Amino acid sequence: MQIKEERFRPILITKGRKTGKEHQVMLRAVNYKGKIYFSRHRPDGDWFKNAIADPQVHIIYNNKKFSGKARKVTDDSLSAKISELKYPGEERAKEARVTIEVTLEDTEQPKN
């Protein structure tokens, strides 16, 4: 994996659970223990629902495209840790959040 930053803003690409079309969204992400994490306040976002429905996702960062598998984090203490890393020193770091963990594949491709 070539992403070194602890906090960064990549583009997450998911496949639409209803349309089957590719959806892109720029999000804050956390790189923690070799995994990439995305979180949000509630599980009602399309990107979140899409990643649960079809875990094959892509991340674009620094003009490179990475493939990976997403899964919902069920460990509340891990979700809390991700919030602390995502929002250091901010009050919202204490809010309960839903979290997606992405395990990247070893290969990266140039962004098309």
N, C-alpha and C. Protein backbone atom coordinates (compact mmCIF):
# COMPACT_ATOMS: atom_id res chain seq x y z
N MET A 1 0.85 -1.18 0.00
CA MET A 1 0.00 0.00 0.00
C MET A 1 0.89 1.23 0.00
N GLN A 2 0.59 2.19 -0.84
CA GLN A 2 1.41 3.37 -0.99
C GLN A 2 0.84 4.61 -0.30
N ILE A 3 -0.25 4.49 0.42
CA ILE A 3 -0.81 5.64 1.13
C ILE A 3 -0.15 5.70 2.50
N LYS A 4 0.57 6.76 2.77
CA LYS A 4 1.33 6.88 4.01
C LYS A 4 0.67 7.80 5.03
N GLU A 5 -0.12 8.76 4.57
CA GLU A 5 -0.72 9.75 5.47
C GLU A 5 -1.71 9.10 6.42
N GLU A 6 -1.76 9.60 7.65
CA GLU A 6 -2.72 9.09 8.62
C GLU A 6 -4.12 9.61 8.32
N ARG A 7 -4.22 10.89 7.96
CA ARG A 7 -5.50 11.49 7.57
C ARG A 7 -5.34 12.07 6.18
N PHE A 8 -6.32 11.82 5.32
CA PHE A 8 -6.23 12.31 3.95
C PHE A 8 -7.62 12.38 3.34
N ARG A 9 -7.73 12.97 2.14
CA ARG A 9 -9.03 13.16 1.49
C ARG A 9 -9.01 12.51 0.10
N PRO A 10 -9.29 11.23 0.03
CA PRO A 10 -9.35 10.55 -1.26
C PRO A 10 -10.76 10.60 -1.84
N ILE A 11 -10.86 10.09 -3.04
CA ILE A 11 -12.17 9.85 -3.66
C ILE A 11 -12.48 8.37 -3.46
N LEU A 12 -13.64 8.09 -2.89
CA LEU A 12 -14.11 6.72 -2.73
C LEU A 12 -15.07 6.42 -3.87
N ILE A 13 -14.83 5.31 -4.55
CA ILE A 13 -15.69 4.90 -5.66
C ILE A 13 -16.43 3.63 -5.25
N THR A 14 -17.74 3.70 -5.31
CA THR A 14 -18.59 2.54 -5.02
C THR A 14 -19.47 2.26 -6.22
N LYS A 15 -20.06 1.08 -6.23
CA LYS A 15 -21.03 0.71 -7.27
C LYS A 15 -22.42 0.91 -6.70
N GLY A 16 -23.26 1.63 -7.42
CA GLY A 16 -24.61 1.91 -6.96
C GLY A 16 -25.39 0.63 -6.72
N ARG A 17 -25.98 0.53 -5.54
CA ARG A 17 -26.71 -0.69 -5.18
C ARG A 17 -27.99 -0.84 -5.96
N LYS A 18 -28.54 0.25 -6.49
CA LYS A 18 -29.77 0.20 -7.28
C LYS A 18 -29.47 0.31 -8.78
N THR A 19 -28.58 1.23 -9.14
CA THR A 19 -28.32 1.50 -10.55
C THR A 19 -27.20 0.66 -11.13
N GLY A 20 -26.29 0.22 -10.28
CA GLY A 20 -25.11 -0.50 -10.77
C GLY A 20 -24.06 0.43 -11.35
N LYS A 21 -24.33 1.74 -11.33
CA LYS A 21 -23.39 2.72 -11.88
C LYS A 21 -22.35 3.10 -10.84
N GLU A 22 -21.20 3.53 -11.32
CA GLU A 22 -20.12 3.97 -10.45
C GLU A 22 -20.46 5.31 -9.82
N HIS A 23 -20.21 5.41 -8.51
CA HIS A 23 -20.44 6.66 -7.78
C HIS A 23 -19.13 7.07 -7.11
N GLN A 24 -18.79 8.35 -7.22
CA GLN A 24 -17.58 8.87 -6.61
C GLN A 24 -17.92 9.95 -5.61
N VAL A 25 -17.20 9.94 -4.48
CA VAL A 25 -17.39 10.97 -3.46
C VAL A 25 -16.04 11.20 -2.77
N MET A 26 -15.71 12.48 -2.55
CA MET A 26 -14.50 12.81 -1.81
C MET A 26 -14.85 12.84 -0.32
N LEU A 27 -14.07 12.13 0.47
CA LEU A 27 -14.33 11.99 1.90
C LEU A 27 -13.04 12.13 2.69
N ARG A 28 -13.19 12.42 3.96
CA ARG A 28 -12.05 12.32 4.87
C ARG A 28 -11.84 10.85 5.17
N ALA A 29 -10.58 10.44 5.21
CA ALA A 29 -10.26 9.04 5.50
C ALA A 29 -9.15 8.97 6.53
N VAL A 30 -9.07 7.83 7.18
CA VAL A 30 -8.03 7.55 8.17
C VAL A 30 -7.31 6.28 7.75
N ASN A 31 -5.99 6.35 7.77
CA ASN A 31 -5.13 5.21 7.52
C ASN A 31 -4.66 4.72 8.89
N TYR A 32 -5.11 3.53 9.29
CA TYR A 32 -4.80 3.03 10.63
C TYR A 32 -4.49 1.54 10.55
N LYS A 33 -3.30 1.19 10.98
CA LYS A 33 -2.85 -0.21 11.02
C LYS A 33 -3.03 -0.92 9.68
N GLY A 34 -2.69 -0.20 8.59
CA GLY A 34 -2.71 -0.80 7.27
C GLY A 34 -4.07 -0.90 6.61
N LYS A 35 -5.08 -0.32 7.22
CA LYS A 35 -6.43 -0.31 6.64
C LYS A 35 -6.86 1.15 6.46
N ILE A 36 -7.80 1.36 5.56
CA ILE A 36 -8.36 2.69 5.30
C ILE A 36 -9.78 2.71 5.87
N TYR A 37 -10.09 3.78 6.60
CA TYR A 37 -11.40 3.88 7.25
C TYR A 37 -12.13 5.14 6.82
N PHE A 38 -13.42 4.96 6.59
CA PHE A 38 -14.35 6.06 6.29
C PHE A 38 -15.47 5.96 7.31
N SER A 39 -15.92 7.11 7.81
CA SER A 39 -17.00 7.06 8.79
C SER A 39 -17.97 8.21 8.54
N ARG A 40 -19.13 8.05 9.13
CA ARG A 40 -20.16 9.09 9.05
C ARG A 40 -21.05 8.99 10.27
N HIS A 41 -21.84 10.04 10.47
CA HIS A 41 -22.68 10.12 11.65
C HIS A 41 -23.78 9.05 11.66
N ARG A 42 -24.40 8.83 10.49
CA ARG A 42 -25.50 7.85 10.39
C ARG A 42 -25.27 6.96 9.17
N PRO A 43 -25.88 5.79 9.14
CA PRO A 43 -25.68 4.87 8.01
C PRO A 43 -26.60 5.14 6.83
N ASP A 44 -27.02 6.38 6.63
CA ASP A 44 -27.98 6.67 5.57
C ASP A 44 -27.34 7.21 4.29
N GLY A 45 -26.04 7.37 4.26
CA GLY A 45 -25.37 7.88 3.06
C GLY A 45 -25.29 6.83 1.97
N ASP A 46 -25.43 7.30 0.73
CA ASP A 46 -25.36 6.36 -0.40
C ASP A 46 -24.03 5.62 -0.46
N TRP A 47 -22.92 6.33 -0.27
CA TRP A 47 -21.62 5.65 -0.35
C TRP A 47 -21.52 4.54 0.69
N PHE A 48 -22.06 4.78 1.87
CA PHE A 48 -22.03 3.78 2.94
C PHE A 48 -22.87 2.56 2.57
N LYS A 49 -24.10 2.81 2.14
CA LYS A 49 -25.00 1.72 1.75
C LYS A 49 -24.44 0.94 0.55
N ASN A 50 -23.85 1.67 -0.41
CA ASN A 50 -23.28 1.02 -1.58
C ASN A 50 -22.12 0.08 -1.20
N ALA A 51 -21.25 0.55 -0.30
CA ALA A 51 -20.10 -0.26 0.10
C ALA A 51 -20.53 -1.51 0.86
N ILE A 52 -21.63 -1.42 1.58
CA ILE A 52 -22.15 -2.61 2.27
C ILE A 52 -22.75 -3.59 1.26
N ALA A 53 -23.48 -3.06 0.29
CA ALA A 53 -24.15 -3.91 -0.71
C ALA A 53 -23.15 -4.58 -1.65
N ASP A 54 -22.09 -3.86 -2.03
CA ASP A 54 -21.07 -4.40 -2.93
C ASP A 54 -19.71 -3.95 -2.38
N PRO A 55 -19.01 -4.82 -1.67
CA PRO A 55 -17.78 -4.41 -0.99
C PRO A 55 -16.58 -4.13 -1.89
N GLN A 56 -16.67 -4.39 -3.18
CA GLN A 56 -15.55 -4.07 -4.06
C GLN A 56 -15.57 -2.57 -4.31
N VAL A 57 -14.57 -1.86 -3.78
CA VAL A 57 -14.50 -0.41 -3.91
C VAL A 57 -13.15 0.00 -4.48
N HIS A 58 -13.06 1.26 -4.85
CA HIS A 58 -11.80 1.84 -5.33
C HIS A 58 -11.58 3.15 -4.60
N ILE A 59 -10.31 3.50 -4.45
CA ILE A 59 -9.93 4.77 -3.84
C ILE A 59 -8.97 5.44 -4.79
N ILE A 60 -9.22 6.71 -5.07
CA ILE A 60 -8.28 7.50 -5.87
C ILE A 60 -7.62 8.50 -4.93
N TYR A 61 -6.28 8.48 -4.95
CA TYR A 61 -5.52 9.40 -4.11
C TYR A 61 -4.16 9.64 -4.76
N ASN A 62 -3.75 10.89 -4.83
CA ASN A 62 -2.48 11.27 -5.45
C ASN A 62 -2.33 10.69 -6.85
N ASN A 63 -3.40 10.80 -7.62
CA ASN A 63 -3.42 10.32 -9.01
C ASN A 63 -3.17 8.83 -9.17
N LYS A 64 -3.45 8.07 -8.12
CA LYS A 64 -3.35 6.62 -8.19
C LYS A 64 -4.69 6.03 -7.79
N LYS A 65 -5.03 4.91 -8.40
CA LYS A 65 -6.29 4.24 -8.11
C LYS A 65 -5.98 2.90 -7.44
N PHE A 66 -6.58 2.71 -6.28
CA PHE A 66 -6.39 1.50 -5.49
C PHE A 66 -7.71 0.73 -5.45
N SER A 67 -7.63 -0.58 -5.50
CA SER A 67 -8.81 -1.44 -5.34
C SER A 67 -8.81 -2.02 -3.94
N GLY A 68 -10.00 -2.28 -3.42
CA GLY A 68 -10.07 -2.86 -2.09
C GLY A 68 -11.43 -3.45 -1.79
N LYS A 69 -11.49 -4.09 -0.64
CA LYS A 69 -12.73 -4.70 -0.14
C LYS A 69 -13.15 -3.95 1.11
N ALA A 70 -14.43 -3.57 1.14
CA ALA A 70 -14.98 -2.83 2.28
C ALA A 70 -15.77 -3.77 3.18
N ARG A 71 -15.81 -3.41 4.44
CA ARG A 71 -16.67 -4.12 5.39
C ARG A 71 -17.08 -3.12 6.47
N LYS A 72 -18.25 -3.35 7.03
CA LYS A 72 -18.73 -2.51 8.12
C LYS A 72 -18.00 -2.90 9.40
N VAL A 73 -17.52 -1.89 10.12
CA VAL A 73 -16.86 -2.13 11.39
C VAL A 73 -17.93 -2.33 12.46
N THR A 74 -17.84 -3.45 13.17
CA THR A 74 -18.82 -3.75 14.22
C THR A 74 -18.24 -3.54 15.62
N ASP A 75 -16.95 -3.27 15.71
CA ASP A 75 -16.28 -3.03 16.99
C ASP A 75 -16.40 -1.55 17.34
N ASP A 76 -17.22 -1.24 18.35
CA ASP A 76 -17.45 0.15 18.73
C ASP A 76 -16.18 0.86 19.18
N SER A 77 -15.28 0.14 19.82
CA SER A 77 -14.04 0.77 20.28
C SER A 77 -13.15 1.15 19.09
N LEU A 78 -13.16 0.35 18.03
CA LEU A 78 -12.40 0.69 16.83
C LEU A 78 -13.02 1.91 16.15
N SER A 79 -14.34 1.95 16.04
CA SER A 79 -15.01 3.12 15.45
C SER A 79 -14.68 4.39 16.25
N ALA A 80 -14.65 4.27 17.57
CA ALA A 80 -14.31 5.42 18.41
C ALA A 80 -12.87 5.87 18.16
N LYS A 81 -11.95 4.92 18.02
CA LYS A 81 -10.55 5.25 17.72
C LYS A 81 -10.42 5.96 16.38
N ILE A 82 -11.16 5.50 15.38
CA ILE A 82 -11.13 6.13 14.06
C ILE A 82 -11.64 7.57 14.16
N SER A 83 -12.69 7.80 14.93
CA SER A 83 -13.21 9.16 15.12
C SER A 83 -12.17 10.06 15.77
N GLU A 84 -11.46 9.54 16.76
CA GLU A 84 -10.40 10.32 17.41
C GLU A 84 -9.30 10.70 16.42
N LEU A 85 -8.93 9.75 15.56
CA LEU A 85 -7.89 10.02 14.56
C LEU A 85 -8.39 10.95 13.46
N LYS A 86 -9.64 10.81 13.10
CA LYS A 86 -10.22 11.61 12.02
C LYS A 86 -10.42 13.07 12.43
N TYR A 87 -10.82 13.28 13.68
CA TYR A 87 -11.12 14.61 14.19
C TYR A 87 -10.30 14.92 15.44
N PRO A 88 -8.97 14.97 15.33
CA PRO A 88 -8.15 15.16 16.54
C PRO A 88 -8.46 16.50 17.22
N GLY A 89 -8.73 16.42 18.52
CA GLY A 89 -8.97 17.62 19.30
C GLY A 89 -10.33 18.27 19.09
N GLU A 90 -11.16 17.68 18.25
CA GLU A 90 -12.49 18.25 17.98
C GLU A 90 -13.55 17.55 18.83
N GLU A 91 -14.57 18.29 19.20
CA GLU A 91 -15.66 17.74 20.00
C GLU A 91 -16.37 16.59 19.29
N ARG A 92 -16.49 16.69 17.96
CA ARG A 92 -17.21 15.64 17.23
C ARG A 92 -16.48 14.31 17.22
N ALA A 93 -15.23 14.28 17.66
CA ALA A 93 -14.50 13.02 17.77
C ALA A 93 -15.16 12.09 18.79
N LYS A 94 -15.98 12.65 19.67
CA LYS A 94 -16.64 11.86 20.71
C LYS A 94 -18.00 11.32 20.27
N GLU A 95 -18.48 11.75 19.10
CA GLU A 95 -19.79 11.30 18.61
C GLU A 95 -19.73 9.85 18.13
N ALA A 96 -20.81 9.12 18.34
CA ALA A 96 -20.90 7.76 17.80
C ALA A 96 -21.01 7.85 16.28
N ARG A 97 -20.28 7.01 15.58
CA ARG A 97 -20.27 7.02 14.13
C ARG A 97 -20.32 5.59 13.60
N VAL A 98 -20.76 5.45 12.35
CA VAL A 98 -20.68 4.17 11.66
C VAL A 98 -19.43 4.23 10.77
N THR A 99 -18.76 3.10 10.65
CA THR A 99 -17.45 3.09 10.01
C THR A 99 -17.34 1.95 9.01
N ILE A 100 -16.68 2.26 7.91
CA ILE A 100 -16.33 1.25 6.89
C ILE A 100 -14.82 1.08 6.90
N GLU A 101 -14.38 -0.17 6.89
CA GLU A 101 -12.95 -0.49 6.80
C GLU A 101 -12.67 -1.02 5.40
N VAL A 102 -11.64 -0.50 4.75
CA VAL A 102 -11.26 -0.97 3.42
C VAL A 102 -9.87 -1.58 3.49
N THR A 103 -9.80 -2.82 3.06
CA THR A 103 -8.52 -3.50 2.92
C THR A 103 -8.11 -3.38 1.46
N LEU A 104 -7.01 -2.67 1.24
CA LEU A 104 -6.55 -2.45 -0.13
C LEU A 104 -5.80 -3.65 -0.66
N GLU A 105 -5.94 -3.87 -1.96
CA GLU A 105 -5.15 -4.90 -2.64
C GLU A 105 -3.75 -4.33 -2.84
N ASP A 106 -2.80 -5.18 -3.11
CA ASP A 106 -1.41 -4.75 -3.21
C ASP A 106 -1.10 -3.91 -4.44
N THR A 107 -1.95 -3.98 -5.44
CA THR A 107 -1.65 -3.28 -6.69
C THR A 107 -2.30 -1.90 -6.73
N GLU A 108 -1.65 -1.00 -7.39
CA GLU A 108 -2.21 0.31 -7.65
C GLU A 108 -2.11 0.56 -9.14
N GLN A 109 -3.00 1.38 -9.64
CA GLN A 109 -3.03 1.68 -11.06
C GLN A 109 -3.02 3.19 -11.24
N PRO A 110 -2.51 3.69 -12.36
CA PRO A 110 -2.64 5.13 -12.63
C PRO A 110 -4.11 5.48 -12.73
N LYS A 111 -4.46 6.65 -12.28
CA LYS A 111 -5.86 7.10 -12.39
C LYS A 111 -6.19 7.30 -13.86
N ASN A 112 -7.31 6.76 -14.29
CA ASN A 112 -7.74 6.90 -15.70
C ASN A 112 -8.65 8.09 -15.83
